[in-house]
Amino acid sequence: MNNGFGRRVILDNSAWARLLTGRIPDVTQSLWEGSVDNDEVLVCDPFRLEALYSARDGRDYERLGEELDAFAQAPCDDRVWRLAHNAQRALAAAAAVSHRVKPVDLLVAAAAQRHDAGVLHYDHHFDLLAQHTDLSFESIWLAPRGTLS
């Protein structure tokens, strides 16, 4: 059995979209399958809304919703919202970076901290959040930056 990513991870849509289309290296596919087998994959509501936005019709929406329901859930309570607001404030106060990180990314990162998980992604915003805010989570790239389409 593969060990997966070695910790719990919250999905971001940047990784999910590539996983759905199979646009990942075999080694990454193996890590993903190990994480799924080990129940390490978590889904939070902001990610869920973003992922379901891509559904083509009602039937696809229901199918995708059922697929996402199979993963452990990471609820976004008031603490998650406060963490996201504080991170956005920290980015706005940092002259060297932009505070214009998508709200969904802020919430996913805050949920990761709240649930002691990493974020599985393919989006440089999570590195920015990890480096320039008080959010404490591991930024886990699906594959090295710039290697996937």
C-alpha atoms as a PDB file:
ATOM      1  CA  MET A   1       0.000   0.000   0.000  1.00  0.00           C
ATOM      2  CA  ASN A   2       1.275   3.460  -0.904  1.00  0.00           C
ATOM      3  CA  ASN A   3       1.702   5.928   1.958  1.00  0.00           C
ATOM      4  CA  GLY A   4       0.103   8.803   0.106  1.00  0.00           C
ATOM      5  CA  PHE A   5       1.133  12.324   1.017  1.00  0.00           C
ATOM      6  CA  GLY A   6       1.871  11.260   4.592  1.00  0.00           C
ATOM      7  CA  ARG A   7      -0.667  13.543   6.241  1.00  0.00           C
ATOM      8  CA  ARG A   8      -4.216  14.799   5.971  1.00  0.00           C
ATOM      9  CA  VAL A   9      -4.714  17.199   3.070  1.00  0.00           C
ATOM     10  CA  ILE A  10      -7.547  19.515   2.130  1.00  0.00           C
ATOM     11  CA  LEU A  11      -8.233  19.590  -1.580  1.00  0.00           C
ATOM     12  CA  ASP A  12      -8.004  22.767  -3.588  1.00  0.00           C
ATOM     13  CA  ASN A  13      -9.709  23.018  -6.963  1.00  0.00           C
ATOM     14  CA  SER A  14      -6.366  23.671  -8.690  1.00  0.00           C
ATOM     15  CA  ALA A  15      -5.344  20.110  -7.789  1.00  0.00           C
ATOM     16  CA  TRP A  16      -8.796  18.546  -8.124  1.00  0.00           C
ATOM     17  CA  ALA A  17      -9.274  19.756 -11.713  1.00  0.00           C
ATOM     18  CA  ARG A  18      -5.971  18.194 -12.739  1.00  0.00           C
ATOM     19  CA  LEU A  19      -6.727  14.965 -10.879  1.00  0.00           C
ATOM     20  CA  LEU A  20     -10.089  14.655 -12.636  1.00  0.00           C
ATOM     21  CA  THR A  21      -8.535  14.988 -16.063  1.00  0.00           C
ATOM     22  CA  GLY A  22      -5.552  12.763 -15.291  1.00  0.00           C
ATOM     23  CA  ARG A  23      -3.085  15.545 -16.098  1.00  0.00           C
ATOM     24  CA  ILE A  24      -0.579  14.370 -13.499  1.00  0.00           C
ATOM     25  CA  PRO A  25       2.558  12.200 -13.473  1.00  0.00           C
ATOM     26  CA  ASP A  26       2.230   8.522 -12.523  1.00  0.00           C
ATOM     27  CA  VAL A  27       4.131   9.071  -9.267  1.00  0.00           C
ATOM     28  CA  THR A  28       1.658  11.774  -8.249  1.00  0.00           C
ATOM     29  CA  GLN A  29      -1.259   9.520  -9.176  1.00  0.00           C
ATOM     30  CA  SER A  30       0.211   6.875  -6.895  1.00  0.00           C
ATOM     31  CA  LEU A  31       0.541   9.360  -4.009  1.00  0.00           C
ATOM     32  CA  TRP A  32      -3.042  10.506  -4.579  1.00  0.00           C
ATOM     33  CA  GLU A  33      -4.372   6.938  -4.569  1.00  0.00           C
ATOM     34  CA  GLY A  34      -2.449   6.214  -1.359  1.00  0.00           C
ATOM     35  CA  SER A  35      -3.924   9.294   0.302  1.00  0.00           C
ATOM     36  CA  VAL A  36      -7.431   8.282  -0.740  1.00  0.00           C
ATOM     37  CA  ASP A  37      -6.854   4.714   0.503  1.00  0.00           C
ATOM     38  CA  ASN A  38      -5.540   6.089   3.825  1.00  0.00           C
ATOM     39  CA  ASP A  39      -8.512   8.472   4.249  1.00  0.00           C
ATOM     40  CA  GLU A  40      -6.130  11.444   4.304  1.00  0.00           C
ATOM     41  CA  VAL A  41      -8.169  13.575   1.888  1.00  0.00           C
ATOM     42  CA  LEU A  42     -10.509  16.227   3.301  1.00  0.00           C
ATOM     43  CA  VAL A  43     -13.045  18.465   1.577  1.00  0.00           C
ATOM     44  CA  CYS A  44     -14.195  21.847   2.896  1.00  0.00           C
ATOM     45  CA  ASP A  45     -17.311  23.734   1.797  1.00  0.00           C
ATOM     46  CA  PRO A  46     -15.520  26.565  -0.078  1.00  0.00           C
ATOM     47  CA  PHE A  47     -13.675  23.993  -2.206  1.00  0.00           C
ATOM     48  CA  ARG A  48     -16.892  22.041  -2.671  1.00  0.00           C
ATOM     49  CA  LEU A  49     -18.708  25.111  -4.026  1.00  0.00           C
ATOM     50  CA  GLU A  50     -15.875  25.829  -6.422  1.00  0.00           C
ATOM     51  CA  ALA A  51     -15.658  22.209  -7.594  1.00  0.00           C
ATOM     52  CA  LEU A  52     -19.426  21.908  -8.088  1.00  0.00           C
ATOM     53  CA  TYR A  53     -19.439  25.120 -10.126  1.00  0.00           C
ATOM     54  CA  SER A  54     -17.816  23.113 -12.938  1.00  0.00           C
ATOM     55  CA  ALA A  55     -20.706  20.634 -13.190  1.00  0.00           C
ATOM     56  CA  ARG A  56     -22.155  20.560 -16.706  1.00  0.00           C
ATOM     57  CA  ASP A  57     -25.761  19.870 -15.668  1.00  0.00           C
ATOM     58  CA  GLY A  58     -27.921  18.614 -12.821  1.00  0.00           C
ATOM     59  CA  ARG A  59     -26.929  14.984 -13.248  1.00  0.00           C
ATOM     60  CA  ASP A  60     -23.223  15.857 -13.312  1.00  0.00           C
ATOM     61  CA  TYR A  61     -23.727  18.073 -10.243  1.00  0.00           C
ATOM     62  CA  GLU A  62     -25.298  15.187  -8.291  1.00  0.00           C
ATOM     63  CA  ARG A  63     -22.605  12.721  -9.395  1.00  0.00           C
ATOM     64  CA  LEU A  64     -19.805  15.085  -8.459  1.00  0.00           C
ATOM     65  CA  GLY A  65     -21.485  15.915  -5.139  1.00  0.00           C
ATOM     66  CA  GLU A  66     -21.672  12.211  -4.280  1.00  0.00           C
ATOM     67  CA  GLU A  67     -18.002  11.807  -5.190  1.00  0.00           C
ATOM     68  CA  LEU A  68     -17.052  14.688  -2.888  1.00  0.00           C
ATOM     69  CA  ASP A  69     -19.268  13.286  -0.104  1.00  0.00           C
ATOM     70  CA  ALA A  70     -17.057  10.181  -0.045  1.00  0.00           C
ATOM     71  CA  PHE A  71     -14.180  12.239   1.391  1.00  0.00           C
ATOM     72  CA  ALA A  72     -13.894  13.280   5.023  1.00  0.00           C
ATOM     73  CA  GLN A  73     -15.343  16.734   5.587  1.00  0.00           C
ATOM     74  CA  ALA A  74     -13.539  19.731   7.108  1.00  0.00           C
ATOM     75  CA  PRO A  75     -16.270  22.096   8.328  1.00  0.00           C
ATOM     76  CA  CYS A  76     -15.710  25.839   8.097  1.00  0.00           C
ATOM     77  CA  ASP A  77     -16.860  27.289  11.385  1.00  0.00           C
ATOM     78  CA  ASP A  78     -16.554  30.869  12.669  1.00  0.00           C
ATOM     79  CA  ARG A  79     -12.899  30.270  13.546  1.00  0.00           C
ATOM     80  CA  VAL A  80     -12.091  29.429   9.921  1.00  0.00           C
ATOM     81  CA  TRP A  81     -13.747  32.638   8.760  1.00  0.00           C
ATOM     82  CA  ARG A  82     -11.789  34.689  11.342  1.00  0.00           C
ATOM     83  CA  LEU A  83      -8.524  33.057  10.292  1.00  0.00           C
ATOM     84  CA  ALA A  84      -9.262  33.862   6.640  1.00  0.00           C
ATOM     85  CA  HIS A  85     -10.113  37.492   7.448  1.00  0.00           C
ATOM     86  CA  ASN A  86      -6.937  37.868   9.501  1.00  0.00           C
ATOM     87  CA  ALA A  87      -4.844  36.394   6.684  1.00  0.00           C
ATOM     88  CA  GLN A  88      -6.374  38.780   4.167  1.00  0.00           C
ATOM     89  CA  ARG A  89      -5.649  41.676   6.533  1.00  0.00           C
ATOM     90  CA  ALA A  90      -2.027  40.533   6.904  1.00  0.00           C
ATOM     91  CA  LEU A  91      -1.598  40.398   3.135  1.00  0.00           C
ATOM     92  CA  ALA A  92      -3.096  43.868   2.742  1.00  0.00           C
ATOM     93  CA  ALA A  93      -0.628  45.224   5.319  1.00  0.00           C
ATOM     94  CA  ALA A  94       2.395  43.641   3.602  1.00  0.00           C
ATOM     95  CA  ALA A  95       3.669  46.083   0.989  1.00  0.00           C
ATOM     96  CA  ALA A  96       5.680  43.414  -0.831  1.00  0.00           C
ATOM     97  CA  VAL A  97       2.686  41.164  -1.618  1.00  0.00           C
ATOM     98  CA  SER A  98      -0.827  41.520  -2.953  1.00  0.00           C
ATOM     99  CA  HIS A  99      -3.833  40.898  -0.750  1.00  0.00           C
ATOM    100  CA  ARG A 100      -5.776  39.866  -3.827  1.00  0.00           C
ATOM    101  CA  VAL A 101      -5.884  36.154  -3.082  1.00  0.00           C
ATOM    102  CA  LYS A 102      -9.193  34.504  -3.987  1.00  0.00           C
ATOM    103  CA  PRO A 103     -11.517  34.223  -0.985  1.00  0.00           C
ATOM    104  CA  VAL A 104     -11.832  30.487  -1.627  1.00  0.00           C
ATOM    105  CA  ASP A 105      -8.043  30.095  -1.289  1.00  0.00           C
ATOM    106  CA  LEU A 106      -8.075  32.050   1.976  1.00  0.00           C
ATOM    107  CA  LEU A 107     -10.836  29.817   3.343  1.00  0.00           C
ATOM    108  CA  VAL A 108      -9.199  26.580   2.189  1.00  0.00           C
ATOM    109  CA  ALA A 109      -5.923  27.592   3.862  1.00  0.00           C
ATOM    110  CA  ALA A 110      -7.738  28.642   7.031  1.00  0.00           C
ATOM    111  CA  ALA A 111      -9.637  25.331   7.081  1.00  0.00           C
ATOM    112  CA  ALA A 112      -6.316  23.522   6.715  1.00  0.00           C
ATOM    113  CA  GLN A 113      -4.987  25.262   9.804  1.00  0.00           C
ATOM    114  CA  ARG A 114      -8.212  24.638  11.715  1.00  0.00           C
ATOM    115  CA  HIS A 115      -8.150  20.920  10.905  1.00  0.00           C
ATOM    116  CA  ASP A 116      -4.364  20.446  11.164  1.00  0.00           C
ATOM    117  CA  ALA A 117      -4.050  19.506   7.505  1.00  0.00           C
ATOM    118  CA  GLY A 118      -1.978  20.491   4.531  1.00  0.00           C
ATOM    119  CA  VAL A 119      -3.430  21.945   1.336  1.00  0.00           C
ATOM    120  CA  LEU A 120      -3.060  19.854  -1.821  1.00  0.00           C
ATOM    121  CA  HIS A 121      -2.910  22.354  -4.676  1.00  0.00           C
ATOM    122  CA  TYR A 122      -1.298  23.607  -7.866  1.00  0.00           C
ATOM    123  CA  ASP A 123      -1.521  27.340  -7.092  1.00  0.00           C
ATOM    124  CA  HIS A 124       1.228  29.696  -5.886  1.00  0.00           C
ATOM    125  CA  HIS A 125      -1.243  31.571  -3.669  1.00  0.00           C
ATOM    126  CA  PHE A 126      -0.909  28.882  -1.009  1.00  0.00           C
ATOM    127  CA  ASP A 127       2.836  29.471  -0.754  1.00  0.00           C
ATOM    128  CA  LEU A 128       2.105  33.186  -0.429  1.00  0.00           C
ATOM    129  CA  LEU A 129      -0.397  32.521   2.360  1.00  0.00           C
ATOM    130  CA  ALA A 130       1.980  30.183   4.181  1.00  0.00           C
ATOM    131  CA  GLN A 131       4.868  32.666   3.973  1.00  0.00           C
ATOM    132  CA  HIS A 132       3.163  36.020   4.565  1.00  0.00           C
ATOM    133  CA  THR A 133       0.342  35.332   7.025  1.00  0.00           C
ATOM    134  CA  ASP A 134      -0.074  33.708  10.429  1.00  0.00           C
ATOM    135  CA  LEU A 135      -1.829  30.731   8.850  1.00  0.00           C
ATOM    136  CA  SER A 136      -0.053  27.537   9.776  1.00  0.00           C
ATOM    137  CA  PHE A 137      -0.481  24.786   7.190  1.00  0.00           C
ATOM    138  CA  GLU A 138       1.720  22.788   4.845  1.00  0.00           C
ATOM    139  CA  SER A 139       1.591  23.888   1.215  1.00  0.00           C
ATOM    140  CA  ILE A 140       1.684  20.636  -0.777  1.00  0.00           C
ATOM    141  CA  TRP A 141       2.080  21.016  -4.526  1.00  0.00           C
ATOM    142  CA  LEU A 142       0.381  18.343  -6.617  1.00  0.00           C
ATOM    143  CA  ALA A 143       3.483  18.494  -8.832  1.00  0.00           C
ATOM    144  CA  PRO A 144       6.357  20.970  -9.043  1.00  0.00           C
ATOM    145  CA  ARG A 145       5.223  24.442 -10.111  1.00  0.00           C
ATOM    146  CA  GLY A 146       5.244  24.929 -13.871  1.00  0.00           C
ATOM    147  CA  THR A 147       5.250  21.224 -14.723  1.00  0.00           C
ATOM    148  CA  LEU A 148       1.508  20.756 -15.305  1.00  0.00           C
ATOM    149  CA  SER A 149      -0.908  22.482 -17.668  1.00  0.00           C
END
